[in-house]
Amino acid sequence: MRLGPLVFVAASLLLQGCAGHNVDCKLGAGHNGCNPGTKEYEQMMEKQRDDKTVAEIDDTLCRSYGAQPGSQAYAACRRKATSDREIFGPARGPNPK
């Protein structure tokens, strides 16, 4: 029995399985544009949900101060919220001991 054709068929099947997704998407190291069902796609979707939640929180905060969308006060409030988040980083839980 010759192994050449068998190796060729196995390699062809392997490549077909990877054709729809690049390796970075499968490993979660890609950058956007990955297909649904890949780790990168799920991470991208989670980031979009997180960004939307942050935007909703900032909007609610600025409106609670009386700033109306489109006003200079609202824009300044949103910039400050973004700046504060960049300075202080994400909220962290208690440190394990």
PDB file of N, CA and C in Angstrom:
ATOM      1  N   MET A   1       0.847  -1.188   0.000  1.00  0.00           N
ATOM      2  CA  MET A   1       0.000   0.000   0.000  1.00  0.00           C
ATOM      3  C   MET A   1       0.886   1.243   0.000  1.00  0.00           C
ATOM      4  N   ARG A   2       0.519   2.193  -0.819  1.00  0.00           N
ATOM      5  CA  ARG A   2       1.310   3.416  -0.933  1.00  0.00           C
ATOM      6  C   ARG A   2       0.746   4.476  -0.009  1.00  0.00           C
ATOM      7  N   LEU A   3       1.603   5.136   0.741  1.00  0.00           N
ATOM      8  CA  LEU A   3       1.172   6.164   1.682  1.00  0.00           C
ATOM      9  C   LEU A   3       0.989   7.525   1.019  1.00  0.00           C
ATOM     10  N   GLY A   4       1.601   7.741  -0.116  1.00  0.00           N
ATOM     11  CA  GLY A   4       1.514   9.033  -0.798  1.00  0.00           C
ATOM     12  C   GLY A   4       0.084   9.485  -1.034  1.00  0.00           C
ATOM     13  N   PRO A   5      -0.760   8.672  -1.703  1.00  0.00           N
ATOM     14  CA  PRO A   5      -2.141   9.095  -1.937  1.00  0.00           C
ATOM     15  C   PRO A   5      -2.930   9.287  -0.633  1.00  0.00           C
ATOM     16  N   LEU A   6      -2.648   8.441   0.343  1.00  0.00           N
ATOM     17  CA  LEU A   6      -3.352   8.562   1.623  1.00  0.00           C
ATOM     18  C   LEU A   6      -2.995   9.876   2.326  1.00  0.00           C
ATOM     19  N   VAL A   7      -1.725  10.223   2.307  1.00  0.00           N
ATOM     20  CA  VAL A   7      -1.282  11.492   2.904  1.00  0.00           C
ATOM     21  C   VAL A   7      -1.897  12.664   2.148  1.00  0.00           C
ATOM     22  N   PHE A   8      -1.943  12.568   0.832  1.00  0.00           N
ATOM     23  CA  PHE A   8      -2.536  13.631   0.023  1.00  0.00           C
ATOM     24  C   PHE A   8      -4.010  13.839   0.369  1.00  0.00           C
ATOM     25  N   VAL A   9      -4.756  12.761   0.491  1.00  0.00           N
ATOM     26  CA  VAL A   9      -6.184  12.846   0.829  1.00  0.00           C
ATOM     27  C   VAL A   9      -6.358  13.428   2.229  1.00  0.00           C
ATOM     28  N   ALA A  10      -5.558  12.987   3.186  1.00  0.00           N
ATOM     29  CA  ALA A  10      -5.654  13.502   4.559  1.00  0.00           C
ATOM     30  C   ALA A  10      -5.343  14.994   4.588  1.00  0.00           C
ATOM     31  N   ALA A  11      -4.302  15.407   3.879  1.00  0.00           N
ATOM     32  CA  ALA A  11      -3.936  16.821   3.840  1.00  0.00           C
ATOM     33  C   ALA A  11      -5.032  17.646   3.174  1.00  0.00           C
ATOM     34  N   SER A  12      -5.635  17.121   2.126  1.00  0.00           N
ATOM     35  CA  SER A  12      -6.726  17.827   1.440  1.00  0.00           C
ATOM     36  C   SER A  12      -7.914  18.039   2.372  1.00  0.00           C
ATOM     37  N   LEU A  13      -8.259  17.012   3.104  1.00  0.00           N
ATOM     38  CA  LEU A  13      -9.380  17.131   4.041  1.00  0.00           C
ATOM     39  C   LEU A  13      -9.076  18.133   5.138  1.00  0.00           C
ATOM     40  N   LEU A  14      -7.852  18.118   5.634  1.00  0.00           N
ATOM     41  CA  LEU A  14      -7.453  19.064   6.671  1.00  0.00           C
ATOM     42  C   LEU A  14      -7.534  20.492   6.159  1.00  0.00           C
ATOM     43  N   LEU A  15      -7.036  20.719   4.953  1.00  0.00           N
ATOM     44  CA  LEU A  15      -7.076  22.064   4.384  1.00  0.00           C
ATOM     45  C   LEU A  15      -8.500  22.526   4.109  1.00  0.00           C
ATOM     46  N   GLN A  16      -9.370  21.620   3.701  1.00  0.00           N
ATOM     47  CA  GLN A  16     -10.766  21.996   3.475  1.00  0.00           C
ATOM     48  C   GLN A  16     -11.420  22.439   4.768  1.00  0.00           C
ATOM     49  N   GLY A  17     -11.105  21.788   5.847  1.00  0.00           N
ATOM     50  CA  GLY A  17     -11.679  22.145   7.138  1.00  0.00           C
ATOM     51  C   GLY A  17     -11.236  23.517   7.603  1.00  0.00           C
ATOM     52  N   CYS A  18     -10.048  23.920   7.189  1.00  0.00           N
ATOM     53  CA  CYS A  18      -9.516  25.214   7.608  1.00  0.00           C
ATOM     54  C   CYS A  18      -9.805  26.319   6.602  1.00  0.00           C
ATOM     55  N   ALA A  19     -10.350  25.994   5.466  1.00  0.00           N
ATOM     56  CA  ALA A  19     -10.533  26.974   4.390  1.00  0.00           C
ATOM     57  C   ALA A  19     -11.445  28.122   4.798  1.00  0.00           C
ATOM     58  N   GLY A  20     -12.466  27.861   5.594  1.00  0.00           N
ATOM     59  CA  GLY A  20     -13.405  28.912   5.963  1.00  0.00           C
ATOM     60  C   GLY A  20     -12.929  29.809   7.078  1.00  0.00           C
ATOM     61  N   HIS A  21     -11.940  29.385   7.820  1.00  0.00           N
ATOM     62  CA  HIS A  21     -11.450  30.158   8.961  1.00  0.00           C
ATOM     63  C   HIS A  21      -9.927  30.170   8.928  1.00  0.00           C
ATOM     64  N   ASN A  22      -9.338  31.336   9.146  1.00  0.00           N
ATOM     65  CA  ASN A  22      -7.885  31.304   9.227  1.00  0.00           C
ATOM     66  C   ASN A  22      -7.477  30.855  10.623  1.00  0.00           C
ATOM     67  N   VAL A  23      -6.250  30.458  10.765  1.00  0.00           N
ATOM     68  CA  VAL A  23      -5.775  29.876  12.024  1.00  0.00           C
ATOM     69  C   VAL A  23      -5.891  30.884  13.162  1.00  0.00           C
ATOM     70  N   ASP A  24      -5.586  32.151  12.905  1.00  0.00           N
ATOM     71  CA  ASP A  24      -5.687  33.161  13.957  1.00  0.00           C
ATOM     72  C   ASP A  24      -7.102  33.263  14.501  1.00  0.00           C
ATOM     73  N   CYS A  25      -8.100  33.146  13.642  1.00  0.00           N
ATOM     74  CA  CYS A  25      -9.487  33.216  14.094  1.00  0.00           C
ATOM     75  C   CYS A  25      -9.825  32.022  14.974  1.00  0.00           C
ATOM     76  N   LYS A  26      -9.339  30.854  14.608  1.00  0.00           N
ATOM     77  CA  LYS A  26      -9.615  29.654  15.397  1.00  0.00           C
ATOM     78  C   LYS A  26      -8.967  29.727  16.768  1.00  0.00           C
ATOM     79  N   LEU A  27      -7.804  30.371  16.862  1.00  0.00           N
ATOM     80  CA  LEU A  27      -7.080  30.445  18.125  1.00  0.00           C
ATOM     81  C   LEU A  27      -7.433  31.688  18.937  1.00  0.00           C
ATOM     82  N   GLY A  28      -8.206  32.594  18.366  1.00  0.00           N
ATOM     83  CA  GLY A  28      -8.582  33.805  19.089  1.00  0.00           C
ATOM     84  C   GLY A  28      -7.545  34.905  18.990  1.00  0.00           C
ATOM     85  N   ALA A  29      -6.634  34.797  18.032  1.00  0.00           N
ATOM     86  CA  ALA A  29      -5.588  35.795  17.893  1.00  0.00           C
ATOM     87  C   ALA A  29      -5.794  36.680  16.667  1.00  0.00           C
ATOM     88  N   GLY A  30      -6.910  36.515  15.982  1.00  0.00           N
ATOM     89  CA  GLY A  30      -7.187  37.307  14.784  1.00  0.00           C
ATOM     90  C   GLY A  30      -7.643  38.709  15.154  1.00  0.00           C
ATOM     91  N   HIS A  31      -7.922  39.490  14.143  1.00  0.00           N
ATOM     92  CA  HIS A  31      -8.353  40.863  14.405  1.00  0.00           C
ATOM     93  C   HIS A  31      -9.713  41.111  13.829  1.00  0.00           C
ATOM     94  N   ASN A  32     -10.701  41.019  13.870  1.00  0.00           N
ATOM     95  CA  ASN A  32     -11.989  41.290  13.220  1.00  0.00           C
ATOM     96  C   ASN A  32     -12.085  40.588  11.871  1.00  0.00           C
ATOM     97  N   GLY A  33     -13.284  40.413  11.451  1.00  0.00           N
ATOM     98  CA  GLY A  33     -13.515  39.788  10.164  1.00  0.00           C
ATOM     99  C   GLY A  33     -13.527  38.277  10.211  1.00  0.00           C
ATOM    100  N   CYS A  34     -13.500  37.692  11.392  1.00  0.00           N
ATOM    101  CA  CYS A  34     -13.533  36.240  11.499  1.00  0.00           C
ATOM    102  C   CYS A  34     -14.977  35.752  11.399  1.00  0.00           C
ATOM    103  N   ASN A  35     -15.124  34.535  10.958  1.00  0.00           N
ATOM    104  CA  ASN A  35     -16.445  33.952  10.765  1.00  0.00           C
ATOM    105  C   ASN A  35     -17.087  33.535  12.085  1.00  0.00           C
ATOM    106  N   PRO A  36     -18.425  33.542  12.136  1.00  0.00           N
ATOM    107  CA  PRO A  36     -19.116  33.048  13.328  1.00  0.00           C
ATOM    108  C   PRO A  36     -18.678  31.624  13.643  1.00  0.00           C
ATOM    109  N   GLY A  37     -18.603  31.341  14.916  1.00  0.00           N
ATOM    110  CA  GLY A  37     -18.197  30.015  15.349  1.00  0.00           C
ATOM    111  C   GLY A  37     -16.728  29.930  15.715  1.00  0.00           C
ATOM    112  N   THR A  38     -15.969  31.006  15.434  1.00  0.00           N
ATOM    113  CA  THR A  38     -14.559  31.012  15.815  1.00  0.00           C
ATOM    114  C   THR A  38     -14.399  31.741  17.140  1.00  0.00           C
ATOM    115  N   LYS A  39     -13.309  31.466  17.812  1.00  0.00           N
ATOM    116  CA  LYS A  39     -13.038  32.106  19.103  1.00  0.00           C
ATOM    117  C   LYS A  39     -12.923  33.626  18.936  1.00  0.00           C
ATOM    118  N   GLU A  40     -12.239  34.050  17.891  1.00  0.00           N
ATOM    119  CA  GLU A  40     -12.069  35.486  17.653  1.00  0.00           C
ATOM    120  C   GLU A  40     -13.416  36.175  17.434  1.00  0.00           C
ATOM    121  N   TYR A  41     -14.309  35.538  16.709  1.00  0.00           N
ATOM    122  CA  TYR A  41     -15.627  36.119  16.465  1.00  0.00           C
ATOM    123  C   TYR A  41     -16.365  36.306  17.792  1.00  0.00           C
ATOM    124  N   GLU A  42     -16.307  35.297  18.646  1.00  0.00           N
ATOM    125  CA  GLU A  42     -16.979  35.396  19.949  1.00  0.00           C
ATOM    126  C   GLU A  42     -16.363  36.507  20.791  1.00  0.00           C
ATOM    127  N   GLN A  43     -15.032  36.639  20.752  1.00  0.00           N
ATOM    128  CA  GLN A  43     -14.374  37.713  21.491  1.00  0.00           C
ATOM    129  C   GLN A  43     -14.767  39.081  20.938  1.00  0.00           C
ATOM    130  N   MET A  44     -14.873  39.179  19.619  1.00  0.00           N
ATOM    131  CA  MET A  44     -15.271  40.427  18.987  1.00  0.00           C
ATOM    132  C   MET A  44     -16.692  40.806  19.407  1.00  0.00           C
ATOM    133  N   MET A  45     -17.592  39.821  19.415  1.00  0.00           N
ATOM    134  CA  MET A  45     -18.974  40.087  19.808  1.00  0.00           C
ATOM    135  C   MET A  45     -19.054  40.509  21.276  1.00  0.00           C
ATOM    136  N   GLU A  46     -18.267  39.872  22.128  1.00  0.00           N
ATOM    137  CA  GLU A  46     -18.258  40.231  23.547  1.00  0.00           C
ATOM    138  C   GLU A  46     -17.750  41.656  23.735  1.00  0.00           C
ATOM    139  N   LYS A  47     -16.710  42.040  22.986  1.00  0.00           N
ATOM    140  CA  LYS A  47     -16.194  43.405  23.077  1.00  0.00           C
ATOM    141  C   LYS A  47     -17.241  44.416  22.623  1.00  0.00           C
ATOM    142  N   GLN A  48     -17.978  44.092  21.559  1.00  0.00           N
ATOM    143  CA  GLN A  48     -19.024  44.995  21.092  1.00  0.00           C
ATOM    144  C   GLN A  48     -20.112  45.159  22.149  1.00  0.00           C
ATOM    145  N   ARG A  49     -20.485  44.064  22.809  1.00  0.00           N
ATOM    146  CA  ARG A  49     -21.493  44.147  23.881  1.00  0.00           C
ATOM    147  C   ARG A  49     -20.967  44.985  25.042  1.00  0.00           C
ATOM    148  N   ASP A  50     -19.700  44.787  25.397  1.00  0.00           N
ATOM    149  CA  ASP A  50     -19.091  45.560  26.481  1.00  0.00           C
ATOM    150  C   ASP A  50     -19.060  47.044  26.138  1.00  0.00           C
ATOM    151  N   ASP A  51     -18.644  47.358  24.898  1.00  0.00           N
ATOM    152  CA  ASP A  51     -18.585  48.759  24.468  1.00  0.00           C
ATOM    153  C   ASP A  51     -19.965  49.404  24.509  1.00  0.00           C
ATOM    154  N   LYS A  52     -20.991  48.670  24.093  1.00  0.00           N
ATOM    155  CA  LYS A  52     -22.356  49.198  24.110  1.00  0.00           C
ATOM    156  C   LYS A  52     -22.812  49.452  25.541  1.00  0.00           C
ATOM    157  N   THR A  53     -22.488  48.533  26.439  1.00  0.00           N
ATOM    158  CA  THR A  53     -22.857  48.701  27.848  1.00  0.00           C
ATOM    159  C   THR A  53     -22.175  49.922  28.439  1.00  0.00           C
ATOM    160  N   VAL A  54     -20.891  50.100  28.155  1.00  0.00           N
ATOM    161  CA  VAL A  54     -20.150  51.259  28.656  1.00  0.00           C
ATOM    162  C   VAL A  54     -20.770  52.541  28.110  1.00  0.00           C
ATOM    163  N   ALA A  55     -21.109  52.559  26.832  1.00  0.00           N
ATOM    164  CA  ALA A  55     -21.719  53.753  26.229  1.00  0.00           C
ATOM    165  C   ALA A  55     -23.063  54.062  26.888  1.00  0.00           C
ATOM    166  N   GLU A  56     -23.848  53.038  27.182  1.00  0.00           N
ATOM    167  CA  GLU A  56     -25.140  53.253  27.839  1.00  0.00           C
ATOM    168  C   GLU A  56     -24.955  53.787  29.255  1.00  0.00           C
ATOM    169  N   ILE A  57     -23.964  53.282  29.972  1.00  0.00           N
ATOM    170  CA  ILE A  57     -23.680  53.763  31.327  1.00  0.00           C
ATOM    171  C   ILE A  57     -23.243  55.219  31.284  1.00  0.00           C
ATOM    172  N   ASP A  58     -22.329  55.547  30.360  1.00  0.00           N
ATOM    173  CA  ASP A  58     -21.853  56.929  30.242  1.00  0.00           C
ATOM    174  C   ASP A  58     -22.991  57.872  29.858  1.00  0.00           C
ATOM    175  N   ASP A  59     -23.848  57.422  28.941  1.00  0.00           N
ATOM    176  CA  ASP A  59     -24.987  58.238  28.530  1.00  0.00           C
ATOM    177  C   ASP A  59     -25.904  58.515  29.726  1.00  0.00           C
ATOM    178  N   THR A  60     -26.206  57.474  30.478  1.00  0.00           N
ATOM    179  CA  THR A  60     -27.086  57.637  31.643  1.00  0.00           C
ATOM    180  C   THR A  60     -26.449  58.554  32.674  1.00  0.00           C
ATOM    181  N   LEU A  61     -25.151  58.404  32.907  1.00  0.00           N
ATOM    182  CA  LEU A  61     -24.447  59.253  33.867  1.00  0.00           C
ATOM    183  C   LEU A  61     -24.519  60.713  33.459  1.00  0.00           C
ATOM    184  N   CYS A  62     -24.199  60.997  32.206  1.00  0.00           N
ATOM    185  CA  CYS A  62     -24.185  62.389  31.737  1.00  0.00           C
ATOM    186  C   CYS A  62     -25.580  62.995  31.731  1.00  0.00           C
ATOM    187  N   ARG A  63     -26.589  62.217  31.366  1.00  0.00           N
ATOM    188  CA  ARG A  63     -27.964  62.724  31.412  1.00  0.00           C
ATOM    189  C   ARG A  63     -28.397  62.989  32.854  1.00  0.00           C
ATOM    190  N   SER A  64     -27.886  62.168  33.792  1.00  0.00           N
ATOM    191  CA  SER A  64     -28.260  62.376  35.196  1.00  0.00           C
ATOM    192  C   SER A  64     -27.716  63.704  35.727  1.00  0.00           C
ATOM    193  N   TYR A  65     -26.651  64.210  35.113  1.00  0.00           N
ATOM    194  CA  TYR A  65     -26.109  65.516  35.474  1.00  0.00           C
ATOM    195  C   TYR A  65     -26.869  66.651  34.797  1.00  0.00           C
ATOM    196  N   GLY A  66     -27.821  66.306  33.947  1.00  0.00           N
ATOM    197  CA  GLY A  66     -28.617  67.309  33.257  1.00  0.00           C
ATOM    198  C   GLY A  66     -28.089  67.670  31.877  1.00  0.00           C
ATOM    199  N   ALA A  67     -27.033  67.021  31.439  1.00  0.00           N
ATOM    200  CA  ALA A  67     -26.475  67.307  30.112  1.00  0.00           C
ATOM    201  C   ALA A  67     -27.308  66.608  29.050  1.00  0.00           C
ATOM    202  N   GLN A  68     -27.622  67.325  27.994  1.00  0.00           N
ATOM    203  CA  GLN A  68     -28.428  66.784  26.909  1.00  0.00           C
ATOM    204  C   GLN A  68     -27.528  66.401  25.736  1.00  0.00           C
ATOM    205  N   PRO A  69     -27.799  65.242  25.104  1.00  0.00           N
ATOM    206  CA  PRO A  69     -27.012  64.839  23.937  1.00  0.00           C
ATOM    207  C   PRO A  69     -26.961  65.956  22.896  1.00  0.00           C
ATOM    208  N   GLY A  70     -25.773  66.172  22.357  1.00  0.00           N
ATOM    209  CA  GLY A  70     -25.575  67.230  21.371  1.00  0.00           C
ATOM    210  C   GLY A  70     -25.056  68.521  21.984  1.00  0.00           C
ATOM    211  N   SER A  71     -25.155  68.650  23.299  1.00  0.00           N
ATOM    212  CA  SER A  71     -24.676  69.876  23.955  1.00  0.00           C
ATOM    213  C   SER A  71     -23.184  69.746  24.263  1.00  0.00           C
ATOM    214  N   GLN A  72     -22.547  70.898  24.494  1.00  0.00           N
ATOM    215  CA  GLN A  72     -21.131  70.887  24.845  1.00  0.00           C
ATOM    216  C   GLN A  72     -20.921  70.222  26.203  1.00  0.00           C
ATOM    217  N   ALA A  73     -21.856  70.421  27.121  1.00  0.00           N
ATOM    218  CA  ALA A  73     -21.732  69.801  28.444  1.00  0.00           C
ATOM    219  C   ALA A  73     -21.776  68.279  28.341  1.00  0.00           C
ATOM    220  N   TYR A  74     -22.642  67.775  27.477  1.00  0.00           N
ATOM    221  CA  TYR A  74     -22.758  66.327  27.285  1.00  0.00           C
ATOM    222  C   TYR A  74     -21.469  65.770  26.677  1.00  0.00           C
ATOM    223  N   ALA A  75     -20.943  66.454  25.671  1.00  0.00           N
ATOM    224  CA  ALA A  75     -19.702  66.002  25.028  1.00  0.00           C
ATOM    225  C   ALA A  75     -18.550  66.016  26.024  1.00  0.00           C
ATOM    226  N   ALA A  76     -18.472  67.052  26.842  1.00  0.00           N
ATOM    227  CA  ALA A  76     -17.413  67.137  27.848  1.00  0.00           C
ATOM    228  C   ALA A  76     -17.558  66.028  28.885  1.00  0.00           C
ATOM    229  N   CYS A  77     -18.791  65.738  29.276  1.00  0.00           N
ATOM    230  CA  CYS A  77     -19.048  64.679  30.235  1.00  0.00           C
ATOM    231  C   CYS A  77     -18.614  63.327  29.678  1.00  0.00           C
ATOM    232  N   ARG A  78     -18.952  63.052  28.428  1.00  0.00           N
ATOM    233  CA  ARG A  78     -18.574  61.779  27.806  1.00  0.00           C
ATOM    234  C   ARG A  78     -17.052  61.664  27.679  1.00  0.00           C
ATOM    235  N   ARG A  79     -16.386  62.773  27.324  1.00  0.00           N
ATOM    236  CA  ARG A  79     -14.920  62.752  27.234  1.00  0.00           C
ATOM    237  C   ARG A  79     -14.301  62.465  28.595  1.00  0.00           C
ATOM    238  N   LYS A  80     -14.850  63.083  29.641  1.00  0.00           N
ATOM    239  CA  LYS A  80     -14.326  62.877  30.992  1.00  0.00           C
ATOM    240  C   LYS A  80     -14.540  61.428  31.428  1.00  0.00           C
ATOM    241  N   ALA A  81     -15.688  60.855  31.132  1.00  0.00           N
ATOM    242  CA  ALA A  81     -15.956  59.466  31.497  1.00  0.00           C
ATOM    243  C   ALA A  81     -14.958  58.528  30.803  1.00  0.00           C
ATOM    244  N   THR A  82     -14.687  58.792  29.532  1.00  0.00           N
ATOM    245  CA  THR A  82     -13.722  57.977  28.788  1.00  0.00           C
ATOM    246  C   THR A  82     -12.322  58.147  29.367  1.00  0.00           C
ATOM    247  N   SER A  83     -11.957  59.374  29.658  1.00  0.00           N
ATOM    248  CA  SER A  83     -10.642  59.657  30.225  1.00  0.00           C
ATOM    249  C   SER A  83     -10.476  58.992  31.588  1.00  0.00           C
ATOM    250  N   ASP A  84     -11.499  59.091  32.425  1.00  0.00           N
ATOM    251  CA  ASP A  84     -11.436  58.459  33.745  1.00  0.00           C
ATOM    252  C   ASP A  84     -11.256  56.948  33.625  1.00  0.00           C
ATOM    253  N   ARG A  85     -11.949  56.350  32.688  1.00  0.00           N
ATOM    254  CA  ARG A  85     -11.851  54.898  32.493  1.00  0.00           C
ATOM    255  C   ARG A  85     -10.441  54.519  32.037  1.00  0.00           C
ATOM    256  N   GLU A  86      -9.846  55.335  31.170  1.00  0.00           N
ATOM    257  CA  GLU A  86      -8.492  55.049  30.700  1.00  0.00           C
ATOM    258  C   GLU A  86      -7.471  55.221  31.823  1.00  0.00           C
ATOM    259  N   ILE A  87      -7.684  56.207  32.676  1.00  0.00           N
ATOM    260  CA  ILE A  87      -6.755  56.458  33.779  1.00  0.00           C
ATOM    261  C   ILE A  87      -6.859  55.367  34.843  1.00  0.00           C
ATOM    262  N   PHE A  88      -8.067  55.080  35.250  1.00  0.00           N
ATOM    263  CA  PHE A  88      -8.269  54.170  36.371  1.00  0.00           C
ATOM    264  C   PHE A  88      -8.423  52.713  35.955  1.00  0.00           C
ATOM    265  N   GLY A  89      -8.653  52.472  34.685  1.00  0.00           N
ATOM    266  CA  GLY A  89      -8.772  51.105  34.189  1.00  0.00           C
ATOM    267  C   GLY A  89     -10.077  50.460  34.607  1.00  0.00           C
ATOM    268  N   PRO A  90     -10.227  49.188  34.232  1.00  0.00           N
ATOM    269  CA  PRO A  90     -11.466  48.477  34.564  1.00  0.00           C
ATOM    270  C   PRO A  90     -11.565  48.206  36.055  1.00  0.00           C
ATOM    271  N   ALA A  91     -12.786  48.045  36.503  1.00  0.00           N
ATOM    272  CA  ALA A  91     -12.997  47.700  37.912  1.00  0.00           C
ATOM    273  C   ALA A  91     -12.408  46.328  38.168  1.00  0.00           C
ATOM    274  N   ARG A  92     -11.795  46.170  39.311  1.00  0.00           N
ATOM    275  CA  ARG A  92     -11.168  44.895  39.650  1.00  0.00           C
ATOM    276  C   ARG A  92     -11.770  44.351  40.917  1.00  0.00           C
ATOM    277  N   GLY A  93     -11.838  43.055  40.965  1.00  0.00           N
ATOM    278  CA  GLY A  93     -12.347  42.389  42.156  1.00  0.00           C
ATOM    279  C   GLY A  93     -11.279  42.357  43.235  1.00  0.00           C
ATOM    280  N   PRO A  94     -11.602  41.782  44.380  1.00  0.00           N
ATOM    281  CA  PRO A  94     -10.617  41.700  45.464  1.00  0.00           C
ATOM    282  C   PRO A  94      -9.423  40.830  45.059  1.00  0.00           C
ATOM    283  N   ASN A  95      -8.282  41.170  45.594  1.00  0.00           N
ATOM    284  CA  ASN A  95      -7.077  40.389  45.296  1.00  0.00           C
ATOM    285  C   ASN A  95      -7.103  39.074  46.065  1.00  0.00           C
ATOM    286  N   PRO A  96      -6.815  37.968  45.375  1.00  0.00           N
ATOM    287  CA  PRO A  96      -6.756  36.688  46.093  1.00  0.00           C
ATOM    288  C   PRO A  96      -5.515  36.638  46.975  1.00  0.00           C
ATOM    289  N   LYS A  97      -5.645  36.037  48.124  1.00  0.00           N
ATOM    290  CA  LYS A  97      -4.495  35.962  49.050  1.00  0.00           C
ATOM    291  C   LYS A  97      -4.043  34.560  49.214  1.00  0.00           C
TER     292      LYS A  97
END
